[in-house]
Structure formats: C-alpha cells, structure tokens
C-alpha cells in the first residue's frame, strides 16, 4: 500500500507498523489500514499533504465540543442529518444530540 509521494522513511514506518500489527494478531487488511492511516496522519500533521483537514469523525470518546467542526460535519453526513453543510459548530452539536430535527 505504500504511496508514490511517500519518502523512504514513510515506507519504512509503514512496514514497521504493519508488521507490528500483524504480530499483535490483526488481519492483513486491518494491519495495512492502520499503518497507512498512521503514516498519512503524520504526513498531514507535518504539512506534507495537500489536505491538512481531517477526513474522519474524531475520537468517539471525545465530547462533541472537543471535536473540530470538520469532524462534526463528517459525523453529521454519516448520520444523514439534513443541511449539515450550512450549520455552525453549535448547530451541528444540537443536531447530533437529536435536539434539532429537520
């Protein structure tokens, strides 16, 4: 799964994480996914990717207030909340908690 824009260091990190996950008992697909996500997250944090915004929905154990607006919007899209794109962070939180339905 190594990418064309990855440096040799990125590829070594990917292989190390993938192998470590396999030793822990993760399946091949899961270990590759974890390794790729880890390398891509580091690249994103270092500013080496075009997209520095999150693609995920955030840690499910974190409160909505502690998540970014992008994470909340992605979660709202996932839960099929109407008009999520035009909502503020506060409105997204209300909609996700079920206080506001449309």
PDB file of N, CA and C in Angstrom:
ATOM      1  N   UNK A   1       0.787  -1.200   0.000  1.00  0.00           N
ATOM      2  CA  UNK A   1       0.000   0.000   0.000  1.00  0.00           C
ATOM      3  C   UNK A   1       0.841   1.282   0.000  1.00  0.00           C
ATOM      4  N   UNK A   2       2.161   1.242   0.037  1.00  0.00           N
ATOM      5  CA  UNK A   2       2.948   2.479   0.004  1.00  0.00           C
ATOM      6  C   UNK A   2       2.568   3.363  -1.177  1.00  0.00           C
ATOM      7  N   UNK A   3       2.575   4.648  -0.929  1.00  0.00           N
ATOM      8  CA  UNK A   3       2.135   5.625  -1.909  1.00  0.00           C
ATOM      9  C   UNK A   3       3.322   6.172  -2.701  1.00  0.00           C
ATOM     10  N   UNK A   4       3.038   6.753  -3.871  1.00  0.00           N
ATOM     11  CA  UNK A   4       4.102   7.274  -4.719  1.00  0.00           C
ATOM     12  C   UNK A   4       4.764   8.511  -4.118  1.00  0.00           C
ATOM     13  N   UNK A   5       4.044   9.288  -3.289  1.00  0.00           N
ATOM     14  CA  UNK A   5       4.606  10.504  -2.724  1.00  0.00           C
ATOM     15  C   UNK A   5       5.231  10.270  -1.353  1.00  0.00           C
ATOM     16  N   UNK A   6       5.232   9.054  -0.889  1.00  0.00           N
ATOM     17  CA  UNK A   6       5.849   8.745   0.392  1.00  0.00           C
ATOM     18  C   UNK A   6       7.359   8.746   0.251  1.00  0.00           C
ATOM     19  N   UNK A   7       8.045   9.193   1.274  1.00  0.00           N
ATOM     20  CA  UNK A   7       9.501   9.149   1.302  1.00  0.00           C
ATOM     21  C   UNK A   7       9.932   7.744   1.716  1.00  0.00           C
ATOM     22  N   UNK A   8      11.207   7.418   1.532  1.00  0.00           N
ATOM     23  CA  UNK A   8      11.676   6.110   2.015  1.00  0.00           C
ATOM     24  C   UNK A   8      11.421   5.926   3.522  1.00  0.00           C
ATOM     25  N   UNK A   9      11.520   7.020   4.280  1.00  0.00           N
ATOM     26  CA  UNK A   9      11.243   6.942   5.720  1.00  0.00           C
ATOM     27  C   UNK A   9       9.781   6.590   5.967  1.00  0.00           C
ATOM     28  N   UNK A  10       8.871   7.185   5.191  1.00  0.00           N
ATOM     29  CA  UNK A  10       7.444   6.873   5.320  1.00  0.00           C
ATOM     30  C   UNK A  10       7.194   5.393   5.041  1.00  0.00           C
ATOM     31  N   UNK A  11       7.829   4.877   4.012  1.00  0.00           N
ATOM     32  CA  UNK A  11       7.643   3.466   3.656  1.00  0.00           C
ATOM     33  C   UNK A  11       8.184   2.537   4.736  1.00  0.00           C
ATOM     34  N   UNK A  12       9.339   2.895   5.322  1.00  0.00           N
ATOM     35  CA  UNK A  12       9.886   2.084   6.415  1.00  0.00           C
ATOM     36  C   UNK A  12       8.948   2.114   7.617  1.00  0.00           C
ATOM     37  N   UNK A  13       8.410   3.280   7.935  1.00  0.00           N
ATOM     38  CA  UNK A  13       7.475   3.390   9.056  1.00  0.00           C
ATOM     39  C   UNK A  13       6.226   2.544   8.784  1.00  0.00           C
ATOM     40  N   UNK A  14       5.713   2.627   7.564  1.00  0.00           N
ATOM     41  CA  UNK A  14       4.539   1.842   7.177  1.00  0.00           C
ATOM     42  C   UNK A  14       4.811   0.345   7.391  1.00  0.00           C
ATOM     43  N   UNK A  15       5.933  -0.132   6.886  1.00  0.00           N
ATOM     44  CA  UNK A  15       6.255  -1.555   7.005  1.00  0.00           C
ATOM     45  C   UNK A  15       6.413  -1.979   8.459  1.00  0.00           C
ATOM     46  N   UNK A  16       7.046  -1.133   9.259  1.00  0.00           N
ATOM     47  CA  UNK A  16       7.229  -1.440  10.675  1.00  0.00           C
ATOM     48  C   UNK A  16       5.889  -1.534  11.406  1.00  0.00           C
ATOM     49  N   UNK A  17       5.018  -0.563  11.185  1.00  0.00           N
ATOM     50  CA  UNK A  17       3.703  -0.562  11.841  1.00  0.00           C
ATOM     51  C   UNK A  17       2.875  -1.747  11.363  1.00  0.00           C
ATOM     52  N   UNK A  18       2.887  -1.997  10.059  1.00  0.00           N
ATOM     53  CA  UNK A  18       2.131  -3.126   9.506  1.00  0.00           C
ATOM     54  C   UNK A  18       2.590  -4.445  10.123  1.00  0.00           C
ATOM     55  N   UNK A  19       3.902  -4.633  10.197  1.00  0.00           N
ATOM     56  CA  UNK A  19       4.440  -5.875  10.768  1.00  0.00           C
ATOM     57  C   UNK A  19       4.114  -5.985  12.252  1.00  0.00           C
ATOM     58  N   UNK A  20       4.175  -4.874  12.966  1.00  0.00           N
ATOM     59  CA  UNK A  20       3.853  -4.883  14.397  1.00  0.00           C
ATOM     60  C   UNK A  20       2.393  -5.269  14.623  1.00  0.00           C
ATOM     61  N   UNK A  21       1.519  -4.723  13.802  1.00  0.00           N
ATOM     62  CA  UNK A  21       0.097  -5.045  13.926  1.00  0.00           C
ATOM     63  C   UNK A  21      -0.166  -6.516  13.606  1.00  0.00           C
ATOM     64  N   UNK A  22       0.533  -7.044  12.618  1.00  0.00           N
ATOM     65  CA  UNK A  22       0.375  -8.462  12.276  1.00  0.00           C
ATOM     66  C   UNK A  22       0.815  -9.333  13.453  1.00  0.00           C
ATOM     67  N   UNK A  23       1.923  -8.946  14.134  1.00  0.00           N
ATOM     68  CA  UNK A  23       2.404  -9.706  15.288  1.00  0.00           C
ATOM     69  C   UNK A  23       1.399  -9.661  16.439  1.00  0.00           C
ATOM     70  N   UNK A  24       0.650  -8.579  16.531  1.00  0.00           N
ATOM     71  CA  UNK A  24      -0.366  -8.444  17.579  1.00  0.00           C
ATOM     72  C   UNK A  24      -1.626  -9.227  17.251  1.00  0.00           C
ATOM     73  N   UNK A  25      -1.710  -9.754  16.043  1.00  0.00           N
ATOM     74  CA  UNK A  25      -2.848 -10.583  15.677  1.00  0.00           C
ATOM     75  C   UNK A  25      -3.854  -9.928  14.763  1.00  0.00           C
ATOM     76  N   UNK A  26      -3.582  -8.729  14.295  1.00  0.00           N
ATOM     77  CA  UNK A  26      -4.507  -8.072  13.364  1.00  0.00           C
ATOM     78  C   UNK A  26      -4.428  -8.764  12.006  1.00  0.00           C
ATOM     79  N   UNK A  27      -5.527  -8.749  11.286  1.00  0.00           N
ATOM     80  CA  UNK A  27      -5.546  -9.325   9.950  1.00  0.00           C
ATOM     81  C   UNK A  27      -4.717  -8.494   8.979  1.00  0.00           C
ATOM     82  N   UNK A  28      -4.452  -9.055   7.826  1.00  0.00           N
ATOM     83  CA  UNK A  28      -3.608  -8.372   6.833  1.00  0.00           C
ATOM     84  C   UNK A  28      -4.200  -7.027   6.412  1.00  0.00           C
ATOM     85  N   UNK A  29      -5.484  -7.024   6.057  1.00  0.00           N
ATOM     86  CA  UNK A  29      -6.123  -5.777   5.618  1.00  0.00           C
ATOM     87  C   UNK A  29      -6.133  -4.734   6.726  1.00  0.00           C
ATOM     88  N   UNK A  30      -6.479  -5.163   7.931  1.00  0.00           N
ATOM     89  CA  UNK A  30      -6.552  -4.239   9.069  1.00  0.00           C
ATOM     90  C   UNK A  30      -5.176  -3.667   9.402  1.00  0.00           C
ATOM     91  N   UNK A  31      -4.147  -4.502   9.378  1.00  0.00           N
ATOM     92  CA  UNK A  31      -2.803  -4.019   9.694  1.00  0.00           C
ATOM     93  C   UNK A  31      -2.308  -3.036   8.629  1.00  0.00           C
ATOM     94  N   UNK A  32      -2.634  -3.278   7.377  1.00  0.00           N
ATOM     95  CA  UNK A  32      -2.259  -2.347   6.314  1.00  0.00           C
ATOM     96  C   UNK A  32      -2.999  -1.020   6.462  1.00  0.00           C
ATOM     97  N   UNK A  33      -4.284  -1.086   6.829  1.00  0.00           N
ATOM     98  CA  UNK A  33      -5.068   0.138   7.005  1.00  0.00           C
ATOM     99  C   UNK A  33      -4.517   0.982   8.155  1.00  0.00           C
ATOM    100  N   UNK A  34      -4.220   0.341   9.274  1.00  0.00           N
ATOM    101  CA  UNK A  34      -3.685   1.065  10.436  1.00  0.00           C
ATOM    102  C   UNK A  34      -2.358   1.716  10.084  1.00  0.00           C
ATOM    103  N   UNK A  35      -1.491   0.976   9.412  1.00  0.00           N
ATOM    104  CA  UNK A  35      -0.183   1.509   9.040  1.00  0.00           C
ATOM    105  C   UNK A  35      -0.305   2.697   8.092  1.00  0.00           C
ATOM    106  N   UNK A  36      -1.141   2.576   7.081  1.00  0.00           N
ATOM    107  CA  UNK A  36      -1.312   3.664   6.107  1.00  0.00           C
ATOM    108  C   UNK A  36      -1.917   4.899   6.769  1.00  0.00           C
ATOM    109  N   UNK A  37      -2.911   4.697   7.611  1.00  0.00           N
ATOM    110  CA  UNK A  37      -3.533   5.836   8.294  1.00  0.00           C
ATOM    111  C   UNK A  37      -2.532   6.548   9.201  1.00  0.00           C
ATOM    112  N   UNK A  38      -1.700   5.780   9.878  1.00  0.00           N
ATOM    113  CA  UNK A  38      -0.704   6.373  10.770  1.00  0.00           C
ATOM    114  C   UNK A  38       0.301   7.205   9.994  1.00  0.00           C
ATOM    115  N   UNK A  39       0.817   6.660   8.904  1.00  0.00           N
ATOM    116  CA  UNK A  39       1.790   7.397   8.088  1.00  0.00           C
ATOM    117  C   UNK A  39       1.133   8.647   7.496  1.00  0.00           C
ATOM    118  N   UNK A  40      -0.071   8.511   6.969  1.00  0.00           N
ATOM    119  CA  UNK A  40      -0.747   9.664   6.365  1.00  0.00           C
ATOM    120  C   UNK A  40      -1.077  10.737   7.399  1.00  0.00           C
ATOM    121  N   UNK A  41      -1.416  10.322   8.609  1.00  0.00           N
ATOM    122  CA  UNK A  41      -1.697  11.300   9.659  1.00  0.00           C
ATOM    123  C   UNK A  41      -0.437  12.108   9.974  1.00  0.00           C
ATOM    124  N   UNK A  42       0.695  11.422  10.090  1.00  0.00           N
ATOM    125  CA  UNK A  42       1.952  12.116  10.366  1.00  0.00           C
ATOM    126  C   UNK A  42       2.305  13.069   9.231  1.00  0.00           C
ATOM    127  N   UNK A  43       2.123  12.629   8.000  1.00  0.00           N
ATOM    128  CA  UNK A  43       2.403  13.491   6.850  1.00  0.00           C
ATOM    129  C   UNK A  43       1.501  14.719   6.862  1.00  0.00           C
ATOM    130  N   UNK A  44       0.203  14.516   7.204  1.00  0.00           N
ATOM    131  CA  UNK A  44      -0.747  15.623   7.265  1.00  0.00           C
ATOM    132  C   UNK A  44      -0.350  16.613   8.357  1.00  0.00           C
ATOM    133  N   UNK A  45       0.036  16.103   9.532  1.00  0.00           N
ATOM    134  CA  UNK A  45       0.451  16.964  10.641  1.00  0.00           C
ATOM    135  C   UNK A  45       1.712  17.752  10.316  1.00  0.00           C
ATOM    136  N   UNK A  46       2.583  17.178   9.513  1.00  0.00           N
ATOM    137  CA  UNK A  46       3.818  17.846   9.107  1.00  0.00           C
ATOM    138  C   UNK A  46       3.594  18.796   7.933  1.00  0.00           C
ATOM    139  N   UNK A  47       2.392  18.825   7.390  1.00  0.00           N
ATOM    140  CA  UNK A  47       2.087  19.721   6.281  1.00  0.00           C
ATOM    141  C   UNK A  47       2.603  19.229   4.940  1.00  0.00           C
ATOM    142  N   UNK A  48       2.819  17.928   4.819  1.00  0.00           N
ATOM    143  CA  UNK A  48       3.348  17.379   3.567  1.00  0.00           C
ATOM    144  C   UNK A  48       2.256  16.862   2.642  1.00  0.00           C
ATOM    145  N   UNK A  49       1.003  17.159   2.958  1.00  0.00           N
ATOM    146  CA  UNK A  49      -0.094  16.756   2.087  1.00  0.00           C
ATOM    147  C   UNK A  49      -0.893  17.983   1.689  1.00  0.00           C
ATOM    148  N   UNK A  50      -1.634  17.851   0.626  1.00  0.00           N
ATOM    149  CA  UNK A  50      -2.445  18.977   0.161  1.00  0.00           C
ATOM    150  C   UNK A  50      -3.596  19.262   1.113  1.00  0.00           C
ATOM    151  N   UNK A  51      -4.138  18.217   1.717  1.00  0.00           N
ATOM    152  CA  UNK A  51      -5.287  18.369   2.605  1.00  0.00           C
ATOM    153  C   UNK A  51      -4.838  18.236   4.050  1.00  0.00           C
ATOM    154  N   UNK A  52      -4.887  19.331   4.815  1.00  0.00           N
ATOM    155  CA  UNK A  52      -4.487  19.281   6.215  1.00  0.00           C
ATOM    156  C   UNK A  52      -5.682  19.087   7.137  1.00  0.00           C
ATOM    157  N   UNK A  53      -6.887  19.053   6.592  1.00  0.00           N
ATOM    158  CA  UNK A  53      -8.084  18.866   7.402  1.00  0.00           C
ATOM    159  C   UNK A  53      -8.357  17.383   7.590  1.00  0.00           C
ATOM    160  N   UNK A  54      -9.036  17.091   8.663  1.00  0.00           N
ATOM    161  CA  UNK A  54      -9.335  15.697   8.979  1.00  0.00           C
ATOM    162  C   UNK A  54     -10.368  15.125   8.008  1.00  0.00           C
ATOM    163  N   UNK A  55     -10.255  13.857   7.789  1.00  0.00           N
ATOM    164  CA  UNK A  55     -11.233  13.163   6.957  1.00  0.00           C
ATOM    165  C   UNK A  55     -12.195  12.352   7.806  1.00  0.00           C
ATOM    166  N   UNK A  56     -11.873  12.209   9.098  1.00  0.00           N
ATOM    167  CA  UNK A  56     -12.651  11.337   9.961  1.00  0.00           C
ATOM    168  C   UNK A  56     -13.724  12.047  10.758  1.00  0.00           C
ATOM    169  N   UNK A  57     -14.242  11.324  11.738  1.00  0.00           N
ATOM    170  CA  UNK A  57     -15.289  11.854  12.594  1.00  0.00           C
ATOM    171  C   UNK A  57     -14.782  12.094  14.007  1.00  0.00           C
ATOM    172  N   UNK A  58     -13.514  11.907  14.229  1.00  0.00           N
ATOM    173  CA  UNK A  58     -12.938  12.152  15.543  1.00  0.00           C
ATOM    174  C   UNK A  58     -13.049  10.951  16.455  1.00  0.00           C
ATOM    175  N   UNK A  59     -12.422  11.066  17.599  1.00  0.00           N
ATOM    176  CA  UNK A  59     -12.442  10.014  18.599  1.00  0.00           C
ATOM    177  C   UNK A  59     -13.844   9.916  19.195  1.00  0.00           C
ATOM    178  N   UNK A  60     -14.484   8.763  19.140  1.00  0.00           N
ATOM    179  CA  UNK A  60     -15.847   8.648  19.651  1.00  0.00           C
ATOM    180  C   UNK A  60     -15.947   8.849  21.157  1.00  0.00           C
ATOM    181  N   UNK A  61     -14.842   8.817  21.856  1.00  0.00           N
ATOM    182  CA  UNK A  61     -14.861   9.019  23.299  1.00  0.00           C
ATOM    183  C   UNK A  61     -14.779  10.497  23.682  1.00  0.00           C
ATOM    184  N   UNK A  62     -14.484  11.349  22.713  1.00  0.00           N
ATOM    185  CA  UNK A  62     -14.400  12.785  22.985  1.00  0.00           C
ATOM    186  C   UNK A  62     -15.770  13.425  22.863  1.00  0.00           C
ATOM    187  N   UNK A  63     -15.990  14.438  23.667  1.00  0.00           N
ATOM    188  CA  UNK A  63     -17.244  15.185  23.605  1.00  0.00           C
ATOM    189  C   UNK A  63     -17.319  15.917  22.273  1.00  0.00           C
ATOM    190  N   UNK A  64     -18.534  16.199  21.831  1.00  0.00           N
ATOM    191  CA  UNK A  64     -18.706  16.923  20.572  1.00  0.00           C
ATOM    192  C   UNK A  64     -18.008  18.276  20.623  1.00  0.00           C
ATOM    193  N   UNK A  65     -18.051  18.948  21.769  1.00  0.00           N
ATOM    194  CA  UNK A  65     -17.435  20.275  21.903  1.00  0.00           C
ATOM    195  C   UNK A  65     -15.928  20.238  21.694  1.00  0.00           C
ATOM    196  N   UNK A  66     -15.321  19.097  21.946  1.00  0.00           N
ATOM    197  CA  UNK A  66     -13.871  18.958  21.809  1.00  0.00           C
ATOM    198  C   UNK A  66     -13.432  18.534  20.406  1.00  0.00           C
ATOM    199  N   UNK A  67     -14.383  18.236  19.547  1.00  0.00           N
ATOM    200  CA  UNK A  67     -14.061  17.838  18.172  1.00  0.00           C
ATOM    201  C   UNK A  67     -14.067  19.064  17.264  1.00  0.00           C
ATOM    202  N   UNK A  68     -13.406  18.940  16.132  1.00  0.00           N
ATOM    203  CA  UNK A  68     -13.374  20.052  15.178  1.00  0.00           C
ATOM    204  C   UNK A  68     -14.709  20.125  14.426  1.00  0.00           C
ATOM    205  N   UNK A  69     -14.944  21.270  13.820  1.00  0.00           N
ATOM    206  CA  UNK A  69     -16.165  21.441  13.036  1.00  0.00           C
ATOM    207  C   UNK A  69     -16.185  20.464  11.859  1.00  0.00           C
ATOM    208  N   UNK A  70     -15.017  20.214  11.265  1.00  0.00           N
ATOM    209  CA  UNK A  70     -14.944  19.253  10.163  1.00  0.00           C
ATOM    210  C   UNK A  70     -15.338  17.853  10.619  1.00  0.00           C
ATOM    211  N   UNK A  71     -14.862  17.452  11.799  1.00  0.00           N
ATOM    212  CA  UNK A  71     -15.211  16.134  12.321  1.00  0.00           C
ATOM    213  C   UNK A  71     -16.717  16.040  12.572  1.00  0.00           C
ATOM    214  N   UNK A  72     -17.291  17.094  13.143  1.00  0.00           N
ATOM    215  CA  UNK A  72     -18.733  17.102  13.396  1.00  0.00           C
ATOM    216  C   UNK A  72     -19.528  17.049  12.102  1.00  0.00           C
ATOM    217  N   UNK A  73     -19.066  17.788  11.100  1.00  0.00           N
ATOM    218  CA  UNK A  73     -19.767  17.798   9.813  1.00  0.00           C
ATOM    219  C   UNK A  73     -19.695  16.407   9.161  1.00  0.00           C
ATOM    220  N   UNK A  74     -18.527  15.761   9.238  1.00  0.00           N
ATOM    221  CA  UNK A  74     -18.397  14.408   8.687  1.00  0.00           C
ATOM    222  C   UNK A  74     -19.316  13.434   9.421  1.00  0.00           C
ATOM    223  N   UNK A  75     -19.413  13.588  10.741  1.00  0.00           N
ATOM    224  CA  UNK A  75     -20.289  12.721  11.527  1.00  0.00           C
ATOM    225  C   UNK A  75     -21.753  12.966  11.172  1.00  0.00           C
ATOM    226  N   UNK A  76     -22.121  14.230  10.992  1.00  0.00           N
ATOM    227  CA  UNK A  76     -23.499  14.572  10.603  1.00  0.00           C
ATOM    228  C   UNK A  76     -23.825  13.994   9.226  1.00  0.00           C
ATOM    229  N   UNK A  77     -22.880  14.070   8.304  1.00  0.00           N
ATOM    230  CA  UNK A  77     -23.091  13.482   6.976  1.00  0.00           C
ATOM    231  C   UNK A  77     -23.290  11.975   7.096  1.00  0.00           C
ATOM    232  N   UNK A  78     -22.489  11.358   7.952  1.00  0.00           N
ATOM    233  CA  UNK A  78     -22.577   9.917   8.152  1.00  0.00           C
ATOM    234  C   UNK A  78     -23.942   9.525   8.721  1.00  0.00           C
ATOM    235  N   UNK A  79     -24.487  10.370   9.605  1.00  0.00           N
ATOM    236  CA  UNK A  79     -25.785  10.102  10.214  1.00  0.00           C
ATOM    237  C   UNK A  79     -26.943  10.667   9.395  1.00  0.00           C
ATOM    238  N   UNK A  80     -26.611  11.180   8.211  1.00  0.00           N
ATOM    239  CA  UNK A  80     -27.602  11.693   7.260  1.00  0.00           C
ATOM    240  C   UNK A  80     -28.468  12.806   7.851  1.00  0.00           C
ATOM    241  N   UNK A  81     -27.817  13.761   8.505  1.00  0.00           N
ATOM    242  CA  UNK A  81     -28.515  14.926   9.041  1.00  0.00           C
ATOM    243  C   UNK A  81     -28.607  15.960   7.932  1.00  0.00           C
ATOM    244  N   UNK A  82     -29.828  16.390   7.648  1.00  0.00           N
ATOM    245  CA  UNK A  82     -30.071  17.323   6.546  1.00  0.00           C
ATOM    246  C   UNK A  82     -29.449  18.686   6.832  1.00  0.00           C
ATOM    247  N   UNK A  83     -28.963  19.332   5.787  1.00  0.00           N
ATOM    248  CA  UNK A  83     -28.421  20.696   5.829  1.00  0.00           C
ATOM    249  C   UNK A  83     -27.203  20.849   6.732  1.00  0.00           C
ATOM    250  N   UNK A  84     -26.451  19.804   6.948  1.00  0.00           N
ATOM    251  CA  UNK A  84     -25.289  19.877   7.836  1.00  0.00           C
ATOM    252  C   UNK A  84     -24.220  20.819   7.291  1.00  0.00           C
ATOM    253  N   UNK A  85     -24.130  20.936   5.992  1.00  0.00           N
ATOM    254  CA  UNK A  85     -23.088  21.775   5.403  1.00  0.00           C
ATOM    255  C   UNK A  85     -23.224  23.248   5.774  1.00  0.00           C
ATOM    256  N   UNK A  86     -24.444  23.710   5.993  1.00  0.00           N
ATOM    257  CA  UNK A  86     -24.668  25.112   6.303  1.00  0.00           C
ATOM    258  C   UNK A  86     -24.738  25.429   7.790  1.00  0.00           C
ATOM    259  N   UNK A  87     -24.524  24.428   8.642  1.00  0.00           N
ATOM    260  CA  UNK A  87     -24.668  24.636  10.083  1.00  0.00           C
ATOM    261  C   UNK A  87     -23.373  25.097  10.738  1.00  0.00           C
ATOM    262  N   UNK A  88     -23.527  25.843  11.828  1.00  0.00           N
ATOM    263  CA  UNK A  88     -22.378  26.228  12.648  1.00  0.00           C
ATOM    264  C   UNK A  88     -22.013  25.039  13.538  1.00  0.00           C
ATOM    265  N   UNK A  89     -20.922  25.154  14.244  1.00  0.00           N
ATOM    266  CA  UNK A  89     -20.499  24.081  15.129  1.00  0.00           C
ATOM    267  C   UNK A  89     -21.562  23.814  16.195  1.00  0.00           C
ATOM    268  N   UNK A  90     -22.107  24.873  16.772  1.00  0.00           N
ATOM    269  CA  UNK A  90     -23.136  24.722  17.805  1.00  0.00           C
ATOM    270  C   UNK A  90     -24.383  24.041  17.248  1.00  0.00           C
ATOM    271  N   UNK A  91     -24.784  24.407  16.042  1.00  0.00           N
ATOM    272  CA  UNK A  91     -25.948  23.789  15.411  1.00  0.00           C
ATOM    273  C   UNK A  91     -25.692  22.315  15.111  1.00  0.00           C
ATOM    274  N   UNK A  92     -24.471  21.998  14.683  1.00  0.00           N
ATOM    275  CA  UNK A  92     -24.117  20.599  14.420  1.00  0.00           C
ATOM    276  C   UNK A  92     -24.218  19.766  15.695  1.00  0.00           C
ATOM    277  N   UNK A  93     -23.726  20.321  16.797  1.00  0.00           N
ATOM    278  CA  UNK A  93     -23.776  19.612  18.075  1.00  0.00           C
ATOM    279  C   UNK A  93     -25.228  19.355  18.473  1.00  0.00           C
ATOM    280  N   UNK A  94     -26.078  20.376  18.349  1.00  0.00           N
ATOM    281  CA  UNK A  94     -27.502  20.202  18.678  1.00  0.00           C
ATOM    282  C   UNK A  94     -28.142  19.128  17.800  1.00  0.00           C
ATOM    283  N   UNK A  95     -27.847  19.176  16.507  1.00  0.00           N
ATOM    284  CA  UNK A  95     -28.437  18.190  15.580  1.00  0.00           C
ATOM    285  C   UNK A  95     -27.952  16.787  15.901  1.00  0.00           C
ATOM    286  N   UNK A  96     -26.668  16.639  16.219  1.00  0.00           N
ATOM    287  CA  UNK A  96     -26.126  15.320  16.524  1.00  0.00           C
ATOM    288  C   UNK A  96     -26.695  14.759  17.825  1.00  0.00           C
ATOM    289  N   UNK A  97     -27.020  15.625  18.742  1.00  0.00           N
ATOM    290  CA  UNK A  97     -27.599  15.178  20.009  1.00  0.00           C
ATOM    291  C   UNK A  97     -29.108  14.941  19.888  1.00  0.00           C
ATOM    292  N   UNK A  98     -29.673  15.248  18.723  1.00  0.00           N
ATOM    293  CA  UNK A  98     -31.080  14.986  18.488  1.00  0.00           C
ATOM    294  C   UNK A  98     -32.011  16.065  18.988  1.00  0.00           C
ATOM    295  N   UNK A  99     -31.466  17.213  19.359  1.00  0.00           N
ATOM    296  CA  UNK A  99     -32.304  18.296  19.847  1.00  0.00           C
ATOM    297  C   UNK A  99     -32.959  19.060  18.707  1.00  0.00           C
ATOM    298  N   UNK A 100     -32.448  18.879  17.520  1.00  0.00           N
ATOM    299  CA  UNK A 100     -32.954  19.628  16.381  1.00  0.00           C
ATOM    300  C   UNK A 100     -33.088  18.693  15.187  1.00  0.00           C
ATOM    301  N   UNK A 101     -34.280  18.476  14.743  1.00  0.00           N
ATOM    302  CA  UNK A 101     -34.517  17.595  13.584  1.00  0.00           C
ATOM    303  C   UNK A 101     -35.172  18.393  12.479  1.00  0.00           C
ATOM    304  N   UNK A 102     -34.718  18.176  11.258  1.00  0.00           N
ATOM    305  CA  UNK A 102     -35.340  18.812  10.091  1.00  0.00           C
ATOM    306  C   UNK A 102     -35.300  17.867   8.940  1.00  0.00           C
TER     307      UNK A 102
END
